[in-house]
Amino acid sequence: MIEYGFIENGYLRVKALEPITFQNKNPETGELETKVITVEDQIKDLPPGWKPLDRIDDEKIRQAEDGYMVSAIPYDAGDRISYHYEVMPDFQAMRVKIADLKAQLTDSDYKVIKCHEALLIGAPMPYDVVELHTSRQEIRDKINALETIQENMMNI
């Protein structure tokens, strides 16, 4: 399979070309005849502006760090359509990470409530309050950092 494409109004239009096999009934003999439209014939029939399309480099796509993704941006390279690769925040992954971190805070709310109850009645603390506060603050700091990145990227 060979792919050809063109860029129109910033969007890549692609057509996958491979040999097309079909059968026709010969009107003279009545027998089925197999015909093949080759890729080369299909390329000749494409309107002007269609160009060979480079393959996306999977290695470059996989190089994104955690929380980021690599996007393949097509551009007209003259005789073909090629790609340049841009690293950008993965907002979906960030939303999932923020939700997970908020769930961790919710999961530790019980410990905070139990410590507060113990304080009110003068009982010994059931959990290490300093460690509990420190771990919850680390989670809040991570949430705030991710939300700041999201907000800054949305304003670009």
N, C-alpha and C. Protein backbone atom coordinates (compact mmCIF):
# COMPACT_ATOMS: atom_id res chain seq x y z
N MET A 1 0.84 -1.18 0.00
CA MET A 1 0.00 0.00 0.00
C MET A 1 0.89 1.24 0.00
N ILE A 2 0.51 2.20 -0.81
CA ILE A 2 1.20 3.48 -0.90
C ILE A 2 0.18 4.55 -0.57
N GLU A 3 0.61 5.55 0.19
CA GLU A 3 -0.31 6.63 0.53
C GLU A 3 0.10 7.91 -0.20
N TYR A 4 -0.91 8.58 -0.73
CA TYR A 4 -0.74 9.88 -1.36
C TYR A 4 -1.64 10.85 -0.64
N GLY A 5 -1.26 12.11 -0.66
CA GLY A 5 -2.10 13.09 0.02
C GLY A 5 -1.84 14.50 -0.47
N PHE A 6 -2.64 15.40 0.06
CA PHE A 6 -2.43 16.83 -0.17
C PHE A 6 -2.96 17.57 1.05
N ILE A 7 -2.45 18.77 1.25
CA ILE A 7 -2.86 19.58 2.39
C ILE A 7 -3.79 20.68 1.88
N GLU A 8 -4.97 20.74 2.50
CA GLU A 8 -5.98 21.72 2.11
C GLU A 8 -6.50 22.41 3.36
N ASN A 9 -6.34 23.73 3.41
CA ASN A 9 -6.78 24.52 4.57
C ASN A 9 -6.24 23.96 5.88
N GLY A 10 -4.99 23.52 5.87
CA GLY A 10 -4.36 23.01 7.07
C GLY A 10 -4.66 21.56 7.40
N TYR A 11 -5.47 20.90 6.62
CA TYR A 11 -5.83 19.50 6.88
C TYR A 11 -5.21 18.60 5.82
N LEU A 12 -4.69 17.48 6.28
CA LEU A 12 -4.11 16.50 5.38
C LEU A 12 -5.20 15.57 4.88
N ARG A 13 -5.32 15.45 3.58
CA ARG A 13 -6.24 14.50 2.94
C ARG A 13 -5.38 13.36 2.41
N VAL A 14 -5.77 12.13 2.71
CA VAL A 14 -4.95 10.97 2.37
C VAL A 14 -5.77 9.95 1.60
N LYS A 15 -5.10 9.31 0.67
CA LYS A 15 -5.70 8.22 -0.08
C LYS A 15 -4.70 7.07 -0.08
N ALA A 16 -5.13 5.90 0.39
CA ALA A 16 -4.29 4.71 0.37
C ALA A 16 -4.49 4.02 -0.98
N LEU A 17 -3.40 3.78 -1.64
CA LEU A 17 -3.47 3.16 -2.97
C LEU A 17 -2.90 1.75 -2.92
N GLU A 18 -3.66 0.83 -3.46
CA GLU A 18 -3.21 -0.55 -3.63
C GLU A 18 -3.91 -1.09 -4.86
N PRO A 19 -3.38 -2.13 -5.44
CA PRO A 19 -4.01 -2.66 -6.66
C PRO A 19 -5.48 -3.00 -6.42
N ILE A 20 -6.32 -2.64 -7.39
CA ILE A 20 -7.75 -2.93 -7.31
C ILE A 20 -8.06 -4.01 -8.35
N THR A 21 -8.59 -5.12 -7.87
CA THR A 21 -8.93 -6.23 -8.75
C THR A 21 -10.45 -6.32 -8.86
N PHE A 22 -10.94 -6.44 -10.07
CA PHE A 22 -12.37 -6.62 -10.28
C PHE A 22 -12.59 -7.51 -11.50
N GLN A 23 -13.80 -8.01 -11.59
CA GLN A 23 -14.13 -8.89 -12.71
C GLN A 23 -15.26 -8.27 -13.53
N ASN A 24 -15.10 -8.39 -14.85
CA ASN A 24 -16.12 -7.93 -15.80
C ASN A 24 -16.51 -9.11 -16.68
N LYS A 25 -17.74 -9.09 -17.11
CA LYS A 25 -18.20 -10.11 -18.05
C LYS A 25 -17.88 -9.61 -19.46
N ASN A 26 -17.15 -10.42 -20.19
CA ASN A 26 -16.81 -10.08 -21.57
C ASN A 26 -18.09 -10.19 -22.40
N PRO A 27 -18.51 -9.07 -23.04
CA PRO A 27 -19.78 -9.11 -23.79
C PRO A 27 -19.73 -10.05 -24.99
N GLU A 28 -18.55 -10.29 -25.53
CA GLU A 28 -18.44 -11.16 -26.71
C GLU A 28 -18.44 -12.64 -26.34
N THR A 29 -17.69 -12.99 -25.27
CA THR A 29 -17.56 -14.41 -24.92
C THR A 29 -18.48 -14.80 -23.77
N GLY A 30 -18.92 -13.82 -23.00
CA GLY A 30 -19.76 -14.13 -21.84
C GLY A 30 -18.97 -14.62 -20.64
N GLU A 31 -17.66 -14.70 -20.76
CA GLU A 31 -16.82 -15.18 -19.65
C GLU A 31 -16.38 -14.01 -18.78
N LEU A 32 -16.11 -14.34 -17.50
CA LEU A 32 -15.60 -13.33 -16.58
C LEU A 32 -14.12 -13.09 -16.84
N GLU A 33 -13.75 -11.82 -16.90
CA GLU A 33 -12.35 -11.46 -17.07
C GLU A 33 -11.91 -10.66 -15.86
N THR A 34 -10.76 -11.00 -15.35
CA THR A 34 -10.21 -10.28 -14.21
C THR A 34 -9.36 -9.12 -14.70
N LYS A 35 -9.63 -7.96 -14.13
CA LYS A 35 -8.86 -6.77 -14.48
C LYS A 35 -8.25 -6.21 -13.21
N VAL A 36 -7.08 -5.61 -13.36
CA VAL A 36 -6.39 -5.01 -12.23
C VAL A 36 -6.04 -3.56 -12.57
N ILE A 37 -6.41 -2.66 -11.66
CA ILE A 37 -5.98 -1.27 -11.79
C ILE A 37 -4.76 -1.13 -10.89
N THR A 38 -3.62 -0.93 -11.49
CA THR A 38 -2.37 -0.87 -10.72
C THR A 38 -2.28 0.43 -9.93
N VAL A 39 -1.39 0.42 -8.96
CA VAL A 39 -1.12 1.62 -8.17
C VAL A 39 -0.63 2.74 -9.09
N GLU A 40 0.23 2.38 -10.03
CA GLU A 40 0.78 3.38 -10.96
C GLU A 40 -0.34 4.04 -11.77
N ASP A 41 -1.31 3.24 -12.22
CA ASP A 41 -2.44 3.81 -12.97
C ASP A 41 -3.27 4.75 -12.08
N GLN A 42 -3.44 4.36 -10.83
CA GLN A 42 -4.20 5.20 -9.91
C GLN A 42 -3.48 6.52 -9.64
N ILE A 43 -2.14 6.45 -9.53
CA ILE A 43 -1.36 7.67 -9.31
C ILE A 43 -1.51 8.62 -10.49
N LYS A 44 -1.48 8.07 -11.70
CA LYS A 44 -1.64 8.89 -12.91
C LYS A 44 -3.00 9.59 -12.93
N ASP A 45 -4.02 8.95 -12.35
CA ASP A 45 -5.37 9.50 -12.37
C ASP A 45 -5.65 10.50 -11.24
N LEU A 46 -4.70 10.65 -10.31
CA LEU A 46 -4.92 11.59 -9.21
C LEU A 46 -4.89 13.02 -9.74
N PRO A 47 -5.71 13.89 -9.16
CA PRO A 47 -5.68 15.30 -9.58
C PRO A 47 -4.33 15.94 -9.21
N PRO A 48 -4.01 17.06 -9.84
CA PRO A 48 -2.76 17.76 -9.50
C PRO A 48 -2.72 18.12 -8.01
N GLY A 49 -1.55 18.09 -7.44
CA GLY A 49 -1.39 18.45 -6.03
C GLY A 49 -1.23 17.25 -5.11
N TRP A 50 -1.64 16.08 -5.56
CA TRP A 50 -1.47 14.88 -4.74
C TRP A 50 0.00 14.47 -4.80
N LYS A 51 0.56 14.16 -3.61
CA LYS A 51 1.98 13.82 -3.51
C LYS A 51 2.16 12.59 -2.63
N PRO A 52 3.30 11.89 -2.81
CA PRO A 52 3.58 10.76 -1.93
C PRO A 52 3.64 11.23 -0.48
N LEU A 53 3.20 10.39 0.40
CA LEU A 53 3.14 10.72 1.82
C LEU A 53 4.21 9.93 2.57
N ASP A 54 5.07 10.64 3.31
CA ASP A 54 6.06 9.95 4.14
C ASP A 54 5.35 9.19 5.24
N ARG A 55 5.98 8.13 5.71
CA ARG A 55 5.44 7.37 6.84
C ARG A 55 5.72 8.14 8.12
N ILE A 56 4.85 8.03 9.09
CA ILE A 56 5.09 8.65 10.40
C ILE A 56 6.15 7.83 11.11
N ASP A 57 7.11 8.52 11.70
CA ASP A 57 8.21 7.87 12.41
C ASP A 57 7.75 7.51 13.82
N ASP A 58 7.43 6.23 14.03
CA ASP A 58 6.92 5.78 15.33
C ASP A 58 7.92 6.02 16.46
N GLU A 59 9.20 5.95 16.17
CA GLU A 59 10.22 6.19 17.20
C GLU A 59 10.11 7.61 17.75
N LYS A 60 9.89 8.57 16.88
CA LYS A 60 9.75 9.96 17.33
C LYS A 60 8.47 10.15 18.13
N ILE A 61 7.43 9.45 17.76
CA ILE A 61 6.15 9.56 18.49
C ILE A 61 6.30 9.00 19.90
N ARG A 62 7.09 7.95 20.07
CA ARG A 62 7.25 7.30 21.38
C ARG A 62 8.21 8.03 22.30
N GLN A 63 8.87 9.08 21.84
CA GLN A 63 9.90 9.75 22.64
C GLN A 63 9.34 10.74 23.66
N ALA A 64 8.06 10.88 23.76
CA ALA A 64 7.47 11.86 24.66
C ALA A 64 7.69 11.46 26.12
N GLU A 65 7.98 12.46 26.93
CA GLU A 65 8.11 12.23 28.37
C GLU A 65 6.72 12.10 28.98
N ASP A 66 6.70 11.66 30.22
CA ASP A 66 5.44 11.48 30.92
C ASP A 66 4.68 12.80 30.98
N GLY A 67 3.40 12.78 30.62
CA GLY A 67 2.58 13.99 30.63
C GLY A 67 2.62 14.77 29.34
N TYR A 68 3.40 14.28 28.39
CA TYR A 68 3.52 14.96 27.10
C TYR A 68 3.26 13.96 25.98
N MET A 69 2.99 14.49 24.80
CA MET A 69 2.82 13.65 23.63
C MET A 69 3.52 14.33 22.46
N VAL A 70 3.84 13.53 21.47
CA VAL A 70 4.46 14.07 20.26
C VAL A 70 3.42 14.01 19.16
N SER A 71 3.20 15.13 18.53
CA SER A 71 2.23 15.22 17.44
C SER A 71 2.96 15.35 16.11
N ALA A 72 2.54 14.55 15.14
CA ALA A 72 3.12 14.62 13.79
C ALA A 72 2.33 15.65 12.99
N ILE A 73 3.00 16.73 12.61
CA ILE A 73 2.36 17.82 11.88
C ILE A 73 2.77 17.73 10.41
N PRO A 74 1.82 17.49 9.50
CA PRO A 74 2.19 17.36 8.08
C PRO A 74 2.54 18.72 7.47
N TYR A 75 3.46 18.68 6.51
CA TYR A 75 3.79 19.89 5.74
C TYR A 75 4.18 19.48 4.33
N ASP A 76 4.01 20.40 3.41
CA ASP A 76 4.33 20.17 2.00
C ASP A 76 5.83 20.36 1.83
N ALA A 77 6.55 19.28 1.53
CA ALA A 77 8.00 19.33 1.39
C ALA A 77 8.41 19.46 -0.08
N GLY A 78 7.53 19.95 -0.91
CA GLY A 78 7.85 20.13 -2.33
C GLY A 78 7.34 18.98 -3.16
N ASP A 79 8.12 17.91 -3.21
CA ASP A 79 7.73 16.76 -4.03
C ASP A 79 6.99 15.69 -3.25
N ARG A 80 6.79 15.92 -1.94
CA ARG A 80 6.10 14.94 -1.10
C ARG A 80 5.52 15.63 0.13
N ILE A 81 4.69 14.92 0.85
CA ILE A 81 4.16 15.41 2.12
C ILE A 81 4.98 14.73 3.22
N SER A 82 5.54 15.54 4.10
CA SER A 82 6.36 15.01 5.18
C SER A 82 5.80 15.49 6.52
N TYR A 83 6.50 15.21 7.61
CA TYR A 83 6.03 15.57 8.95
C TYR A 83 7.16 16.22 9.74
N HIS A 84 6.79 17.18 10.57
CA HIS A 84 7.70 17.58 11.64
C HIS A 84 6.97 17.23 12.94
N TYR A 85 7.73 17.04 13.99
CA TYR A 85 7.20 16.48 15.22
C TYR A 85 7.27 17.52 16.34
N GLU A 86 6.14 17.77 16.98
CA GLU A 86 6.07 18.75 18.05
C GLU A 86 5.70 18.07 19.36
N VAL A 87 6.46 18.41 20.41
CA VAL A 87 6.16 17.91 21.75
C VAL A 87 5.17 18.89 22.38
N MET A 88 4.08 18.35 22.92
CA MET A 88 3.07 19.20 23.55
C MET A 88 2.48 18.47 24.75
N PRO A 89 1.94 19.23 25.70
CA PRO A 89 1.33 18.58 26.86
C PRO A 89 0.17 17.68 26.44
N ASP A 90 0.07 16.57 27.12
CA ASP A 90 -1.03 15.64 26.88
C ASP A 90 -2.13 15.97 27.89
N PHE A 91 -3.07 16.83 27.47
CA PHE A 91 -4.10 17.31 28.39
C PHE A 91 -4.96 16.18 28.94
N GLN A 92 -5.23 15.18 28.13
CA GLN A 92 -6.02 14.05 28.60
C GLN A 92 -5.28 13.32 29.72
N ALA A 93 -3.99 13.08 29.52
CA ALA A 93 -3.19 12.41 30.55
C ALA A 93 -3.12 13.27 31.81
N MET A 94 -3.01 14.60 31.62
CA MET A 94 -2.97 15.50 32.78
C MET A 94 -4.28 15.45 33.56
N ARG A 95 -5.42 15.45 32.85
CA ARG A 95 -6.71 15.38 33.53
C ARG A 95 -6.84 14.08 34.33
N VAL A 96 -6.39 12.99 33.74
CA VAL A 96 -6.44 11.70 34.43
C VAL A 96 -5.54 11.72 35.66
N LYS A 97 -4.33 12.28 35.51
CA LYS A 97 -3.38 12.35 36.63
C LYS A 97 -3.94 13.22 37.75
N ILE A 98 -4.53 14.37 37.39
CA ILE A 98 -5.12 15.25 38.40
C ILE A 98 -6.26 14.54 39.12
N ALA A 99 -7.10 13.84 38.39
CA ALA A 99 -8.21 13.09 39.01
C ALA A 99 -7.68 12.02 39.95
N ASP A 100 -6.61 11.33 39.55
CA ASP A 100 -6.01 10.30 40.41
C ASP A 100 -5.45 10.92 41.69
N LEU A 101 -4.78 12.07 41.55
CA LEU A 101 -4.22 12.74 42.73
C LEU A 101 -5.33 13.22 43.66
N LYS A 102 -6.41 13.75 43.10
CA LYS A 102 -7.53 14.19 43.93
C LYS A 102 -8.18 13.00 44.63
N ALA A 103 -8.22 11.86 43.97
CA ALA A 103 -8.75 10.64 44.60
C ALA A 103 -7.87 10.22 45.77
N GLN A 104 -6.55 10.39 45.62
CA GLN A 104 -5.64 10.08 46.73
C GLN A 104 -5.92 10.98 47.93
N LEU A 105 -6.19 12.26 47.68
CA LEU A 105 -6.55 13.16 48.78
C LEU A 105 -7.84 12.70 49.44
N THR A 106 -8.82 12.37 48.63
CA THR A 106 -10.10 11.90 49.17
C THR A 106 -9.92 10.64 50.00
N ASP A 107 -9.05 9.74 49.53
CA ASP A 107 -8.81 8.49 50.26
C ASP A 107 -8.18 8.74 51.63
N SER A 108 -7.43 9.82 51.77
CA SER A 108 -6.79 10.09 53.06
C SER A 108 -7.62 11.02 53.94
N ASP A 109 -8.77 11.50 53.45
CA ASP A 109 -9.65 12.35 54.26
C ASP A 109 -10.07 11.64 55.55
N TYR A 110 -10.29 10.35 55.46
CA TYR A 110 -10.71 9.57 56.64
C TYR A 110 -9.67 9.70 57.76
N LYS A 111 -8.40 9.62 57.39
CA LYS A 111 -7.33 9.73 58.40
C LYS A 111 -7.33 11.12 59.04
N VAL A 112 -7.57 12.15 58.26
CA VAL A 112 -7.61 13.51 58.79
C VAL A 112 -8.78 13.65 59.77
N ILE A 113 -9.93 13.11 59.40
CA ILE A 113 -11.10 13.19 60.27
C ILE A 113 -10.85 12.44 61.57
N LYS A 114 -10.25 11.26 61.50
CA LYS A 114 -9.96 10.48 62.72
C LYS A 114 -8.99 11.23 63.62
N CYS A 115 -7.98 11.90 63.03
CA CYS A 115 -7.04 12.68 63.83
C CYS A 115 -7.74 13.87 64.48
N HIS A 116 -8.64 14.51 63.74
CA HIS A 116 -9.38 15.65 64.28
C HIS A 116 -10.27 15.20 65.44
N GLU A 117 -10.95 14.09 65.29
CA GLU A 117 -11.79 13.55 66.36
C GLU A 117 -10.95 13.25 67.59
N ALA A 118 -9.78 12.64 67.39
CA ALA A 118 -8.90 12.31 68.51
C ALA A 118 -8.45 13.58 69.23
N LEU A 119 -8.15 14.63 68.47
CA LEU A 119 -7.74 15.91 69.06
C LEU A 119 -8.87 16.50 69.90
N LEU A 120 -10.11 16.43 69.39
CA LEU A 120 -11.25 17.01 70.09
C LEU A 120 -11.52 16.32 71.42
N ILE A 121 -11.29 15.02 71.50
CA ILE A 121 -11.58 14.31 72.75
C ILE A 121 -10.33 14.06 73.58
N GLY A 122 -9.19 14.55 73.12
CA GLY A 122 -7.95 14.41 73.87
C GLY A 122 -7.34 13.02 73.80
N ALA A 123 -7.71 12.24 72.81
CA ALA A 123 -7.16 10.88 72.65
C ALA A 123 -5.85 10.96 71.86
N PRO A 124 -5.04 9.90 71.95
CA PRO A 124 -3.80 9.88 71.16
C PRO A 124 -4.12 9.84 69.66
N MET A 125 -3.24 10.42 68.89
CA MET A 125 -3.44 10.47 67.43
C MET A 125 -3.32 9.07 66.83
N PRO A 126 -4.29 8.67 66.01
CA PRO A 126 -4.24 7.34 65.40
C PRO A 126 -3.24 7.27 64.23
N TYR A 127 -2.84 8.43 63.71
CA TYR A 127 -1.90 8.47 62.58
C TYR A 127 -0.85 9.54 62.86
N ASP A 128 0.28 9.43 62.19
CA ASP A 128 1.33 10.44 62.29
C ASP A 128 0.86 11.68 61.53
N VAL A 129 0.47 12.72 62.28
CA VAL A 129 -0.12 13.91 61.69
C VAL A 129 0.87 14.64 60.78
N VAL A 130 2.13 14.71 61.18
CA VAL A 130 3.13 15.41 60.37
C VAL A 130 3.31 14.69 59.03
N GLU A 131 3.43 13.37 59.07
CA GLU A 131 3.59 12.60 57.83
C GLU A 131 2.33 12.71 56.97
N LEU A 132 1.16 12.67 57.61
CA LEU A 132 -0.10 12.79 56.89
C LEU A 132 -0.20 14.15 56.19
N HIS A 133 0.13 15.21 56.93
CA HIS A 133 0.08 16.56 56.35
C HIS A 133 1.09 16.70 55.21
N THR A 134 2.31 16.19 55.42
CA THR A 134 3.36 16.30 54.40
C THR A 134 2.96 15.58 53.12
N SER A 135 2.45 14.37 53.24
CA SER A 135 2.09 13.61 52.04
C SER A 135 0.91 14.27 51.31
N ARG A 136 -0.06 14.79 52.08
CA ARG A 136 -1.20 15.46 51.44
C ARG A 136 -0.76 16.76 50.76
N GLN A 137 0.19 17.48 51.37
CA GLN A 137 0.67 18.73 50.77
C GLN A 137 1.44 18.44 49.48
N GLU A 138 2.21 17.35 49.46
CA GLU A 138 2.92 16.96 48.24
C GLU A 138 1.93 16.67 47.10
N ILE A 139 0.84 16.02 47.45
CA ILE A 139 -0.19 15.72 46.44
C ILE A 139 -0.82 17.02 45.94
N ARG A 140 -1.15 17.94 46.88
CA ARG A 140 -1.73 19.23 46.47
C ARG A 140 -0.77 20.02 45.59
N ASP A 141 0.53 19.98 45.91
CA ASP A 141 1.53 20.68 45.10
C ASP A 141 1.58 20.12 43.68
N LYS A 142 1.49 18.79 43.55
CA LYS A 142 1.50 18.17 42.22
C LYS A 142 0.25 18.58 41.43
N ILE A 143 -0.90 18.59 42.11
CA ILE A 143 -2.14 19.00 41.45
C ILE A 143 -2.02 20.44 40.96
N ASN A 144 -1.53 21.33 41.84
CA ASN A 144 -1.39 22.74 41.47
C ASN A 144 -0.44 22.92 40.30
N ALA A 145 0.67 22.18 40.28
CA ALA A 145 1.64 22.29 39.19
C ALA A 145 1.01 21.86 37.86
N LEU A 146 0.30 20.74 37.88
CA LEU A 146 -0.35 20.26 36.65
C LEU A 146 -1.44 21.23 36.18
N GLU A 147 -2.21 21.77 37.12
CA GLU A 147 -3.26 22.72 36.74
C GLU A 147 -2.66 24.01 36.18
N THR A 148 -1.51 24.43 36.72
CA THR A 148 -0.83 25.63 36.20
C THR A 148 -0.34 25.39 34.78
N ILE A 149 0.24 24.21 34.53
CA ILE A 149 0.70 23.88 33.18
C ILE A 149 -0.48 23.90 32.22
N GLN A 150 -1.59 23.29 32.63
CA GLN A 150 -2.79 23.28 31.78
C GLN A 150 -3.26 24.70 31.48
N GLU A 151 -3.34 25.52 32.51
CA GLU A 151 -3.82 26.89 32.33
C GLU A 151 -2.90 27.69 31.41
N ASN A 152 -1.59 27.55 31.60
CA ASN A 152 -0.63 28.27 30.76
C ASN A 152 -0.73 27.82 29.31
N MET A 153 -0.90 26.54 29.08
CA MET A 153 -0.99 26.03 27.71
C MET A 153 -2.29 26.46 27.04
N MET A 154 -3.35 26.60 27.80
CA MET A 154 -4.63 27.02 27.22
C MET A 154 -4.57 28.49 26.81
N ASN A 155 -3.70 29.26 27.46
CA ASN A 155 -3.60 30.70 27.16
C ASN A 155 -2.67 31.00 26.00
N ILE A 156 -2.04 29.98 25.44
CA ILE A 156 -1.11 30.20 24.32
C ILE A 156 -1.89 30.35 23.04
